[in-house]
Amino acid sequence: MAKGPTLTRDQTGAHRVQASFTTGRYYFSLSDRAQSFLVNTRNYSENREIAWTTFRTLIVTGDIHLPKSNSASVSTADDLATPANPRDASDSELRELASLLRRGRFTNTQINRLETIFEETDLSDHITADDLTEKDTTQINELRDIARDIEQKDTLDDK
């Protein structure tokens, strides 16, 4: 059976999370936001199991992710192996996680998956999908266009 996600450190001292897929255990990287939440807000220490709801939620938001992964955070969350005895989040942890989510910006796909997590867990006592802010897709598309223009300019400059 799969083990629960555990806060660890790598050889450089950076915090990581070790968690399971059906194919084995893997190390995940943490955003500054995830690290601050787990270590500073929730006082997780090294080798402590992270609550399953918290871990899945931070995977979906992209705050915990596989290093150099090209897969969407939602699909990564769907591929995780559920631990045999997942650690439950306390009510205070769920309340603080909900507060963290209210300060974020998410894609429609992320919001839909988060809504499923809310419905499956006691996180629904603290937040709904209506409380989440969707990323401005117009701005994202404009940034993609700018990046594409820069890439094309760099390609032309190299010729």
C-alpha atoms as a PDB file:
ATOM      1  CA  MET A   1       0.000   0.000   0.000  1.00  0.00           C
ATOM      2  CA  ALA A   2       1.048   3.582  -0.654  1.00  0.00           C
ATOM      3  CA  LYS A   3       2.572   5.729   2.077  1.00  0.00           C
ATOM      4  CA  GLY A   4       1.311   9.224   2.799  1.00  0.00           C
ATOM      5  CA  PRO A   5       3.093  12.337   1.485  1.00  0.00           C
ATOM      6  CA  THR A   6       6.000  13.307   3.743  1.00  0.00           C
ATOM      7  CA  LEU A   7       7.905  16.575   4.100  1.00  0.00           C
ATOM      8  CA  THR A   8      11.635  15.976   3.524  1.00  0.00           C
ATOM      9  CA  ARG A   9      14.763  17.864   2.498  1.00  0.00           C
ATOM     10  CA  ASP A  10      17.041  17.257  -0.441  1.00  0.00           C
ATOM     11  CA  GLN A  11      20.857  17.271  -0.348  1.00  0.00           C
ATOM     12  CA  THR A  12      20.899  21.069  -0.678  1.00  0.00           C
ATOM     13  CA  GLY A  13      18.583  21.459   2.315  1.00  0.00           C
ATOM     14  CA  ALA A  14      15.569  22.538   0.272  1.00  0.00           C
ATOM     15  CA  HIS A  15      12.197  21.255   1.413  1.00  0.00           C
ATOM     16  CA  ARG A  16      10.627  18.585  -0.764  1.00  0.00           C
ATOM     17  CA  VAL A  17       7.643  16.286  -0.431  1.00  0.00           C
ATOM     18  CA  GLN A  18       7.994  12.584  -1.037  1.00  0.00           C
ATOM     19  CA  ALA A  19       4.752  11.001  -2.243  1.00  0.00           C
ATOM     20  CA  SER A  20       3.527   7.951  -4.102  1.00  0.00           C
ATOM     21  CA  PHE A  21       2.234   7.091  -7.514  1.00  0.00           C
ATOM     22  CA  THR A  22       1.339   3.487  -8.265  1.00  0.00           C
ATOM     23  CA  THR A  23       4.816   3.167  -9.813  1.00  0.00           C
ATOM     24  CA  GLY A  24       6.711   4.247  -6.681  1.00  0.00           C
ATOM     25  CA  ARG A  25       7.707   7.175  -4.465  1.00  0.00           C
ATOM     26  CA  TYR A  26       8.796  10.463  -6.024  1.00  0.00           C
ATOM     27  CA  TYR A  27      10.117  13.786  -4.792  1.00  0.00           C
ATOM     28  CA  PHE A  28       8.037  16.898  -5.414  1.00  0.00           C
ATOM     29  CA  SER A  29       9.190  20.511  -5.342  1.00  0.00           C
ATOM     30  CA  LEU A  30       7.424  23.229  -3.351  1.00  0.00           C
ATOM     31  CA  SER A  31       6.623  26.778  -4.374  1.00  0.00           C
ATOM     32  CA  ASP A  32       7.544  29.495  -1.878  1.00  0.00           C
ATOM     33  CA  ARG A  33       3.852  29.727  -1.064  1.00  0.00           C
ATOM     34  CA  ALA A  34       3.574  25.982  -0.288  1.00  0.00           C
ATOM     35  CA  GLN A  35       6.758  26.001   1.759  1.00  0.00           C
ATOM     36  CA  SER A  36       5.592  29.004   3.779  1.00  0.00           C
ATOM     37  CA  PHE A  37       2.207  27.399   4.371  1.00  0.00           C
ATOM     38  CA  LEU A  38       3.543  23.981   5.400  1.00  0.00           C
ATOM     39  CA  VAL A  39       6.619  25.038   7.382  1.00  0.00           C
ATOM     40  CA  ASN A  40       5.705  28.461   8.792  1.00  0.00           C
ATOM     41  CA  THR A  41       1.909  28.479   9.010  1.00  0.00           C
ATOM     42  CA  ARG A  42       1.286  24.798   9.791  1.00  0.00           C
ATOM     43  CA  ASN A  43       4.641  24.003  11.471  1.00  0.00           C
ATOM     44  CA  TYR A  44       5.258  20.808   9.514  1.00  0.00           C
ATOM     45  CA  SER A  45       8.680  19.398  10.330  1.00  0.00           C
ATOM     46  CA  GLU A  46      10.941  17.067   8.409  1.00  0.00           C
ATOM     47  CA  ASN A  47       9.611  13.497   8.019  1.00  0.00           C
ATOM     48  CA  ARG A  48       6.093  14.498   9.089  1.00  0.00           C
ATOM     49  CA  GLU A  49       3.239  13.176   7.002  1.00  0.00           C
ATOM     50  CA  ILE A  50       1.241  15.900   5.258  1.00  0.00           C
ATOM     51  CA  ALA A  51      -2.541  15.741   5.472  1.00  0.00           C
ATOM     52  CA  TRP A  52      -3.902  14.125   2.314  1.00  0.00           C
ATOM     53  CA  THR A  53      -6.421  16.903   1.572  1.00  0.00           C
ATOM     54  CA  THR A  54      -3.733  19.560   1.978  1.00  0.00           C
ATOM     55  CA  PHE A  55      -1.301  17.712  -0.287  1.00  0.00           C
ATOM     56  CA  ARG A  56      -3.842  17.063  -3.066  1.00  0.00           C
ATOM     57  CA  THR A  57      -5.052  20.660  -2.918  1.00  0.00           C
ATOM     58  CA  LEU A  58      -1.517  22.066  -3.206  1.00  0.00           C
ATOM     59  CA  ILE A  59      -0.848  19.700  -6.127  1.00  0.00           C
ATOM     60  CA  VAL A  60      -3.913  20.993  -7.988  1.00  0.00           C
ATOM     61  CA  THR A  61      -2.911  24.621  -7.378  1.00  0.00           C
ATOM     62  CA  GLY A  62       0.579  23.870  -8.699  1.00  0.00           C
ATOM     63  CA  ASP A  63       2.223  24.836  -5.402  1.00  0.00           C
ATOM     64  CA  ILE A  64       3.569  21.292  -5.034  1.00  0.00           C
ATOM     65  CA  HIS A  65       4.777  19.841  -8.315  1.00  0.00           C
ATOM     66  CA  LEU A  66       7.079  17.311  -9.886  1.00  0.00           C
ATOM     67  CA  PRO A  67      10.400  18.943 -10.801  1.00  0.00           C
ATOM     68  CA  LYS A  68      10.638  19.667 -14.527  1.00  0.00           C
ATOM     69  CA  SER A  69       7.171  18.239 -15.076  1.00  0.00           C
ATOM     70  CA  ASN A  70       5.227  19.137 -18.179  1.00  0.00           C
ATOM     71  CA  SER A  71       2.009  17.560 -16.928  1.00  0.00           C
ATOM     72  CA  ALA A  72      -0.806  19.714 -15.656  1.00  0.00           C
ATOM     73  CA  SER A  73      -1.168  19.865 -11.900  1.00  0.00           C
ATOM     74  CA  VAL A  74      -4.708  18.492 -12.143  1.00  0.00           C
ATOM     75  CA  SER A  75      -3.579  15.354 -13.982  1.00  0.00           C
ATOM     76  CA  THR A  76      -0.744  14.868 -11.481  1.00  0.00           C
ATOM     77  CA  ALA A  77      -3.287  14.956  -8.642  1.00  0.00           C
ATOM     78  CA  ASP A  78      -5.415  12.355 -10.418  1.00  0.00           C
ATOM     79  CA  ASP A  79      -2.449   9.994 -10.807  1.00  0.00           C
ATOM     80  CA  LEU A  80      -1.427   9.959  -7.127  1.00  0.00           C
ATOM     81  CA  ALA A  81      -1.703   6.731  -5.169  1.00  0.00           C
ATOM     82  CA  THR A  82      -4.014   7.210  -2.192  1.00  0.00           C
ATOM     83  CA  PRO A  83      -2.242   6.264   1.040  1.00  0.00           C
ATOM     84  CA  ALA A  84      -3.482   3.215   2.934  1.00  0.00           C
ATOM     85  CA  ASN A  85      -4.202   5.404   5.978  1.00  0.00           C
ATOM     86  CA  PRO A  86      -4.198   9.036   4.835  1.00  0.00           C
ATOM     87  CA  ARG A  87      -3.662  11.617   7.557  1.00  0.00           C
ATOM     88  CA  ASP A  88      -6.688  13.847   8.046  1.00  0.00           C
ATOM     89  CA  ALA A  89      -6.329  17.612   8.157  1.00  0.00           C
ATOM     90  CA  SER A  90      -7.436  19.298  11.346  1.00  0.00           C
ATOM     91  CA  ASP A  91     -10.214  21.868  11.222  1.00  0.00           C
ATOM     92  CA  SER A  92      -7.667  24.657  11.763  1.00  0.00           C
ATOM     93  CA  GLU A  93      -5.517  23.350   8.896  1.00  0.00           C
ATOM     94  CA  LEU A  94      -8.528  23.272   6.582  1.00  0.00           C
ATOM     95  CA  ARG A  95      -9.467  26.823   7.615  1.00  0.00           C
ATOM     96  CA  GLU A  96      -5.916  28.066   6.921  1.00  0.00           C
ATOM     97  CA  LEU A  97      -5.809  26.161   3.610  1.00  0.00           C
ATOM     98  CA  ALA A  98      -9.089  27.799   2.587  1.00  0.00           C
ATOM     99  CA  SER A  99      -7.607  31.199   3.443  1.00  0.00           C
ATOM    100  CA  LEU A 100      -4.569  30.429   1.282  1.00  0.00           C
ATOM    101  CA  LEU A 101      -6.813  29.423  -1.612  1.00  0.00           C
ATOM    102  CA  ARG A 102      -8.834  32.641  -1.393  1.00  0.00           C
ATOM    103  CA  ARG A 103      -5.615  34.594  -2.042  1.00  0.00           C
ATOM    104  CA  GLY A 104      -4.740  32.591  -5.192  1.00  0.00           C
ATOM    105  CA  ARG A 105      -5.674  32.794  -8.852  1.00  0.00           C
ATOM    106  CA  PHE A 106      -6.566  29.622 -10.705  1.00  0.00           C
ATOM    107  CA  THR A 107      -7.459  28.332 -14.129  1.00  0.00           C
ATOM    108  CA  ASN A 108     -10.967  27.097 -14.752  1.00  0.00           C
ATOM    109  CA  THR A 109      -9.626  23.513 -14.839  1.00  0.00           C
ATOM    110  CA  GLN A 110      -7.999  23.971 -11.442  1.00  0.00           C
ATOM    111  CA  ILE A 111     -11.184  25.482  -9.984  1.00  0.00           C
ATOM    112  CA  ASN A 112     -13.250  22.551 -11.234  1.00  0.00           C
ATOM    113  CA  ARG A 113     -10.842  20.031  -9.679  1.00  0.00           C
ATOM    114  CA  LEU A 114     -10.654  22.006  -6.430  1.00  0.00           C
ATOM    115  CA  GLU A 115     -14.441  21.992  -6.295  1.00  0.00           C
ATOM    116  CA  THR A 116     -14.334  18.184  -6.444  1.00  0.00           C
ATOM    117  CA  ILE A 117     -11.849  18.119  -3.558  1.00  0.00           C
ATOM    118  CA  PHE A 118     -14.103  20.476  -1.582  1.00  0.00           C
ATOM    119  CA  GLU A 119     -17.091  18.186  -2.167  1.00  0.00           C
ATOM    120  CA  GLU A 120     -15.119  15.077  -1.107  1.00  0.00           C
ATOM    121  CA  THR A 121     -13.696  16.587   2.079  1.00  0.00           C
ATOM    122  CA  ASP A 122     -14.436  18.787   5.062  1.00  0.00           C
ATOM    123  CA  LEU A 123     -12.718  21.632   3.206  1.00  0.00           C
ATOM    124  CA  SER A 124     -16.254  22.371   1.972  1.00  0.00           C
ATOM    125  CA  ASP A 125     -17.024  23.646   5.480  1.00  0.00           C
ATOM    126  CA  HIS A 126     -14.591  26.518   4.860  1.00  0.00           C
ATOM    127  CA  ILE A 127     -14.663  27.350   1.134  1.00  0.00           C
ATOM    128  CA  THR A 128     -16.601  26.893  -2.111  1.00  0.00           C
ATOM    129  CA  ALA A 129     -15.566  27.257  -5.730  1.00  0.00           C
ATOM    130  CA  ASP A 130     -17.357  30.624  -5.749  1.00  0.00           C
ATOM    131  CA  ASP A 131     -14.733  31.889  -3.273  1.00  0.00           C
ATOM    132  CA  LEU A 132     -11.914  31.291  -5.786  1.00  0.00           C
ATOM    133  CA  THR A 133     -10.545  33.792  -8.270  1.00  0.00           C
ATOM    134  CA  GLU A 134     -10.088  32.721 -11.862  1.00  0.00           C
ATOM    135  CA  LYS A 135      -6.953  33.773 -13.709  1.00  0.00           C
ATOM    136  CA  ASP A 136      -7.540  36.362 -16.381  1.00  0.00           C
ATOM    137  CA  THR A 137      -7.182  34.211 -19.498  1.00  0.00           C
ATOM    138  CA  THR A 138      -6.960  37.316 -21.681  1.00  0.00           C
ATOM    139  CA  GLN A 139      -3.820  38.384 -19.847  1.00  0.00           C
ATOM    140  CA  ILE A 140      -2.373  34.860 -20.058  1.00  0.00           C
ATOM    141  CA  ASN A 141      -2.988  34.740 -23.810  1.00  0.00           C
ATOM    142  CA  GLU A 142      -1.391  38.171 -24.240  1.00  0.00           C
ATOM    143  CA  LEU A 143       1.689  36.992 -22.346  1.00  0.00           C
ATOM    144  CA  ARG A 144       1.890  33.869 -24.541  1.00  0.00           C
ATOM    145  CA  ASP A 145       1.739  36.086 -27.633  1.00  0.00           C
ATOM    146  CA  ILE A 146       4.549  38.271 -26.276  1.00  0.00           C
ATOM    147  CA  ALA A 147       6.663  35.205 -25.492  1.00  0.00           C
ATOM    148  CA  ARG A 148       6.025  33.807 -28.991  1.00  0.00           C
ATOM    149  CA  ASP A 149       7.021  37.171 -30.550  1.00  0.00           C
ATOM    150  CA  ILE A 150      10.252  37.250 -28.514  1.00  0.00           C
ATOM    151  CA  GLU A 151      11.047  33.668 -29.486  1.00  0.00           C
ATOM    152  CA  GLN A 152      10.454  34.449 -33.171  1.00  0.00           C
ATOM    153  CA  LYS A 153      12.641  37.564 -32.918  1.00  0.00           C
ATOM    154  CA  ASP A 154      15.425  35.543 -31.252  1.00  0.00           C
ATOM    155  CA  THR A 155      15.175  32.939 -34.034  1.00  0.00           C
ATOM    156  CA  LEU A 156      15.464  35.642 -36.701  1.00  0.00           C
ATOM    157  CA  ASP A 157      18.404  37.279 -34.877  1.00  0.00           C
ATOM    158  CA  ASP A 158      20.254  33.944 -34.856  1.00  0.00           C
ATOM    159  CA  LYS A 159      20.044  33.676 -38.670  1.00  0.00           C
END
